[in-house]
Amino acid sequence: MTGEEVDDAQAVYVYEAPVRLWHWINAGALVVLMASGYLIASPPPSVSGAASDHFLMGDIKFAHFVAAYVFTIGLAARLYWAFVGNRYARRLFVPFSRSRQWRQDLLAELRWYLFIDRSEPRTGPGLNPLAQLIMGLMFLGGGLFEIVTGFALYGEPEGAGSFAHRYFTSWVVPLFGDSQNVHTWHHLVMWYLLCFVIVHVYLAIREDVMTTHSSVGTMISGWRYKRRPAIKR
């Protein structure tokens, strides 16, 4: 017995490889979408030289369109994996539950993150109730809105024969009144998703720092490590 503190740990395999791959590709797509979307709404100053030597806005829009396809296809693939993956894979698409225990856990998580309670909630591995709610309302809600309105805007120059015009533009633009309203809402929800990214990164880092289990590292290795209280030996 030396009095040295030794940390013991247990691990649960939470995020499978397809989920981790989707997460990081999706994160990259969101960065490109937000950066290019901002530049599309607020174009940079004209570059010097002959116009034929530059295609700056065209390149920005191309990057936006490619990232949009990556984001959309990735979300569809992630939905498929919710059905074939492990039990943690489907929580992303279940933003809330009617169970009393879920509501109690949600309240406990809220009190913990608002620094009201000092004791860490015991909600188990995977997305906790607060994360489920935020992912559902902010990421899924905002992401689906951007996909629908984005393809509606994409379909306008593509013309009436394109799939985007047939399945999106034809009903989304009339629903919003006109194309400019679609542009405005598409741009506003981009800022909504940026708020989600900030909240998501903050909560993930805060969990790593202030709780007894891993968070950021879990989305790299797939394993969530539960560190038990230190034992004196």
Protein backbone atom coordinates (compact mmCIF):
# COMPACT_ATOMS: atom_id res chain seq x y z
CA MET A 1 0.00 0.00 0.00
CA THR A 2 1.69 3.16 -1.18
CA GLY A 3 -1.23 5.61 -1.07
CA GLU A 4 -0.97 6.09 -4.88
CA GLU A 5 -4.29 6.71 -6.65
CA VAL A 6 -5.00 4.29 -9.47
CA ASP A 7 -7.80 4.92 -12.00
CA ASP A 8 -9.73 1.89 -13.16
CA ALA A 9 -11.91 2.00 -16.26
CA GLN A 10 -14.58 0.11 -18.12
CA ALA A 11 -15.47 0.54 -21.79
CA VAL A 12 -18.59 0.16 -23.92
CA TYR A 13 -18.47 0.01 -27.74
CA VAL A 14 -20.97 2.73 -28.69
CA TYR A 15 -20.22 4.17 -32.12
CA GLU A 16 -19.53 1.71 -34.93
CA ALA A 17 -17.14 2.56 -37.76
CA PRO A 18 -19.85 3.71 -40.24
CA VAL A 19 -21.27 6.10 -37.63
CA ARG A 20 -17.84 7.57 -36.88
CA LEU A 21 -17.01 7.90 -40.58
CA TRP A 22 -20.33 9.64 -41.23
CA HIS A 23 -19.80 11.99 -38.28
CA TRP A 24 -16.47 13.35 -39.50
CA ILE A 25 -17.46 13.53 -43.19
CA ASN A 26 -20.66 15.28 -42.15
CA ALA A 27 -18.67 17.74 -40.03
CA GLY A 28 -16.45 18.58 -43.01
CA ALA A 29 -19.47 18.99 -45.29
CA LEU A 30 -21.09 21.38 -42.79
CA VAL A 31 -17.96 23.53 -42.65
CA VAL A 32 -17.84 23.80 -46.46
CA LEU A 33 -21.59 24.46 -46.66
CA MET A 34 -21.50 27.24 -44.09
CA ALA A 35 -18.38 28.92 -45.47
CA SER A 36 -19.52 28.77 -49.10
CA GLY A 37 -23.11 29.67 -48.15
CA TYR A 38 -21.91 32.79 -46.37
CA LEU A 39 -19.84 33.81 -49.42
CA ILE A 40 -22.78 33.17 -51.75
CA ALA A 41 -24.99 35.47 -49.65
CA SER A 42 -22.20 38.03 -49.11
CA PRO A 43 -19.96 37.80 -52.23
CA PRO A 44 -16.30 38.78 -51.85
CA PRO A 45 -14.97 41.83 -53.75
CA SER A 46 -14.24 41.36 -57.43
CA VAL A 47 -10.73 40.15 -58.18
CA SER A 48 -8.46 42.10 -60.48
CA GLY A 49 -7.59 41.02 -63.98
CA ALA A 50 -9.56 39.76 -66.93
CA ALA A 51 -12.92 38.17 -66.10
CA SER A 52 -12.05 35.18 -68.30
CA ASP A 53 -9.18 34.32 -65.97
CA HIS A 54 -11.39 33.92 -62.92
CA PHE A 55 -14.35 31.79 -61.90
CA LEU A 56 -14.39 32.57 -58.19
CA MET A 57 -18.15 32.57 -57.56
CA GLY A 58 -18.57 29.55 -59.79
CA ASP A 59 -15.99 27.64 -57.72
CA ILE A 60 -17.70 28.71 -54.49
CA LYS A 61 -21.09 27.52 -55.74
CA PHE A 62 -19.60 24.26 -57.02
CA ALA A 63 -18.09 23.58 -53.57
CA HIS A 64 -21.49 24.36 -52.02
CA PHE A 65 -23.32 21.97 -54.34
CA VAL A 66 -20.83 19.13 -53.84
CA ALA A 67 -20.94 19.54 -50.05
CA ALA A 68 -24.76 19.59 -50.23
CA TYR A 69 -24.82 16.25 -52.04
CA VAL A 70 -22.32 14.78 -49.56
CA PHE A 71 -24.45 16.02 -46.65
CA THR A 72 -27.69 14.66 -48.14
CA ILE A 73 -26.34 11.26 -49.17
CA GLY A 74 -24.55 10.94 -45.83
CA LEU A 75 -27.74 11.61 -43.89
CA ALA A 76 -29.61 9.01 -45.95
CA ALA A 77 -26.84 6.48 -45.29
CA ARG A 78 -26.93 7.35 -41.58
CA LEU A 79 -30.70 6.70 -41.53
CA TYR A 80 -30.08 3.28 -43.11
CA TRP A 81 -27.48 2.47 -40.46
CA ALA A 82 -29.99 3.35 -37.74
CA PHE A 83 -31.88 0.22 -38.78
CA VAL A 84 -28.92 -2.16 -39.25
CA GLY A 85 -26.48 -0.83 -36.65
CA ASN A 86 -26.33 -1.38 -32.91
CA ARG A 87 -28.90 -0.01 -30.46
CA TYR A 88 -27.01 3.26 -30.04
CA ALA A 89 -27.14 4.03 -33.78
CA ARG A 90 -30.88 4.81 -33.83
CA ARG A 91 -30.95 7.32 -30.99
CA LEU A 92 -30.06 10.14 -33.39
CA PHE A 93 -33.46 9.76 -35.02
CA VAL A 94 -35.42 9.51 -31.77
CA PRO A 95 -35.35 13.07 -30.38
CA PHE A 96 -37.62 12.41 -27.41
CA SER A 97 -39.48 9.76 -25.44
CA ARG A 98 -42.75 9.71 -23.53
CA SER A 99 -41.31 7.71 -20.68
CA ARG A 100 -41.13 9.29 -17.26
CA GLN A 101 -37.55 8.12 -16.79
CA TRP A 102 -36.48 9.90 -19.99
CA ARG A 103 -38.03 13.16 -18.80
CA GLN A 104 -36.34 12.82 -15.43
CA ASP A 105 -32.99 12.16 -17.10
CA LEU A 106 -33.51 15.16 -19.38
CA LEU A 107 -34.15 17.42 -16.39
CA ALA A 108 -31.07 16.02 -14.63
CA GLU A 109 -28.92 16.69 -17.70
CA LEU A 110 -30.27 20.25 -17.99
CA ARG A 111 -29.53 20.96 -14.33
CA TRP A 112 -26.03 19.52 -14.75
CA TYR A 113 -25.16 21.56 -17.85
CA LEU A 114 -26.61 24.74 -16.34
CA PHE A 115 -24.32 24.23 -13.30
CA ILE A 116 -27.28 23.88 -10.94
CA ASP A 117 -26.34 20.37 -9.81
CA ARG A 118 -22.81 19.35 -8.90
CA SER A 119 -23.36 15.60 -9.21
CA GLU A 120 -22.97 14.03 -12.66
CA PRO A 121 -26.17 12.46 -14.08
CA ARG A 122 -26.11 8.69 -14.62
CA THR A 123 -27.70 8.26 -18.06
CA GLY A 124 -25.51 5.52 -19.52
CA PRO A 125 -23.53 5.38 -22.81
CA GLY A 126 -24.79 6.72 -26.11
CA LEU A 127 -26.68 9.96 -26.63
CA ASN A 128 -28.18 11.21 -23.38
CA PRO A 129 -31.72 12.71 -23.43
CA LEU A 130 -30.46 16.29 -23.77
CA ALA A 131 -28.21 15.32 -26.68
CA GLN A 132 -31.11 13.45 -28.32
CA LEU A 133 -33.31 16.55 -28.06
CA ILE A 134 -30.65 18.94 -29.38
CA MET A 135 -29.67 16.62 -32.23
CA GLY A 136 -33.31 16.14 -33.18
CA LEU A 137 -34.47 19.75 -33.01
CA MET A 138 -31.34 21.51 -34.20
CA PHE A 139 -29.32 19.14 -36.40
CA LEU A 140 -32.04 16.94 -37.94
CA GLY A 141 -34.66 19.68 -38.10
CA GLY A 142 -32.27 22.29 -39.45
CA GLY A 143 -30.49 19.85 -41.75
CA LEU A 144 -33.69 18.57 -43.38
CA PHE A 145 -34.94 22.13 -43.84
CA GLU A 146 -31.69 23.08 -45.58
CA ILE A 147 -31.85 20.01 -47.83
CA VAL A 148 -35.42 20.75 -48.95
CA THR A 149 -34.95 24.49 -49.48
CA GLY A 150 -31.47 24.02 -50.95
CA PHE A 151 -32.65 21.62 -53.63
CA ALA A 152 -35.59 23.93 -54.31
CA LEU A 153 -33.15 26.75 -55.05
CA TYR A 154 -30.88 24.38 -56.99
CA GLY A 155 -33.80 23.35 -59.20
CA GLU A 156 -34.59 26.87 -60.41
CA PRO A 157 -31.63 27.26 -62.82
CA GLU A 158 -31.71 23.54 -63.63
CA GLY A 159 -35.13 23.95 -65.23
CA ALA A 160 -38.53 22.26 -65.11
CA GLY A 161 -37.22 18.92 -66.38
CA SER A 162 -34.71 18.39 -63.57
CA PHE A 163 -35.38 16.18 -60.56
CA ALA A 164 -34.72 19.10 -58.19
CA HIS A 165 -37.32 21.26 -59.87
CA ARG A 166 -39.86 18.45 -60.10
CA TYR A 167 -39.57 17.23 -56.49
CA PHE A 168 -38.61 20.42 -54.65
CA THR A 169 -38.87 23.72 -56.53
CA SER A 170 -42.37 23.01 -57.84
CA TRP A 171 -43.92 23.07 -54.34
CA VAL A 172 -41.36 24.68 -52.01
CA VAL A 173 -41.21 28.06 -53.79
CA PRO A 174 -45.03 28.46 -53.92
CA LEU A 175 -45.18 27.42 -50.25
CA PHE A 176 -42.85 30.25 -49.25
CA GLY A 177 -44.41 32.75 -51.64
CA ASP A 178 -41.43 33.42 -53.87
CA SER A 179 -37.82 32.45 -54.46
CA GLN A 180 -36.38 35.32 -52.40
CA ASN A 181 -38.20 34.09 -49.29
CA VAL A 182 -36.70 30.64 -49.81
CA HIS A 183 -33.23 32.22 -50.09
CA THR A 184 -33.78 34.22 -46.91
CA TRP A 185 -34.97 31.27 -44.83
CA HIS A 186 -32.27 29.00 -46.23
CA HIS A 187 -29.65 31.53 -45.15
CA LEU A 188 -31.20 32.11 -41.70
CA VAL A 189 -31.30 28.40 -40.90
CA MET A 190 -27.60 28.21 -41.81
CA TRP A 191 -26.97 30.43 -38.76
CA TYR A 192 -29.26 28.15 -36.74
CA LEU A 193 -27.05 25.19 -37.70
CA LEU A 194 -23.96 27.20 -36.79
CA CYS A 195 -25.44 27.66 -33.31
CA PHE A 196 -25.92 23.89 -33.16
CA VAL A 197 -22.26 23.31 -34.05
CA ILE A 198 -21.14 25.66 -31.28
CA VAL A 199 -23.42 23.99 -28.71
CA HIS A 200 -22.42 20.51 -29.87
CA VAL A 201 -18.67 21.18 -29.63
CA TYR A 202 -19.07 22.86 -26.23
CA LEU A 203 -21.09 19.99 -24.76
CA ALA A 204 -18.71 17.35 -26.13
CA ILE A 205 -15.62 19.06 -24.72
CA ARG A 206 -17.38 19.80 -21.42
CA GLU A 207 -18.22 16.11 -21.02
CA ASP A 208 -14.59 15.15 -21.55
CA VAL A 209 -13.43 17.68 -18.96
CA MET A 210 -16.10 17.50 -16.27
CA THR A 211 -17.56 13.98 -16.35
CA THR A 212 -16.19 10.53 -15.62
CA HIS A 213 -16.54 9.23 -19.18
CA SER A 214 -15.01 9.97 -22.57
CA SER A 215 -16.80 11.98 -25.28
CA VAL A 216 -14.63 13.34 -28.10
CA GLY A 217 -12.37 10.31 -28.07
CA THR A 218 -15.43 8.06 -28.32
CA MET A 219 -16.21 9.43 -31.79
CA ILE A 220 -12.65 8.53 -32.82
CA SER A 221 -12.29 5.04 -31.35
CA GLY A 222 -15.95 4.08 -30.90
CA TRP A 223 -15.37 3.12 -27.26
CA ARG A 224 -16.84 5.08 -24.36
CA TYR A 225 -14.62 4.75 -21.33
CA LYS A 226 -16.26 5.00 -17.94
CA ARG A 227 -13.67 6.02 -15.40
CA ARG A 228 -14.48 4.79 -11.90
CA PRO A 229 -13.61 6.90 -8.87
CA ALA A 230 -9.95 6.68 -7.98
CA ILE A 231 -9.04 3.87 -5.60
CA LYS A 232 -6.36 4.31 -2.99
CA ARG A 233 -3.97 1.44 -2.66
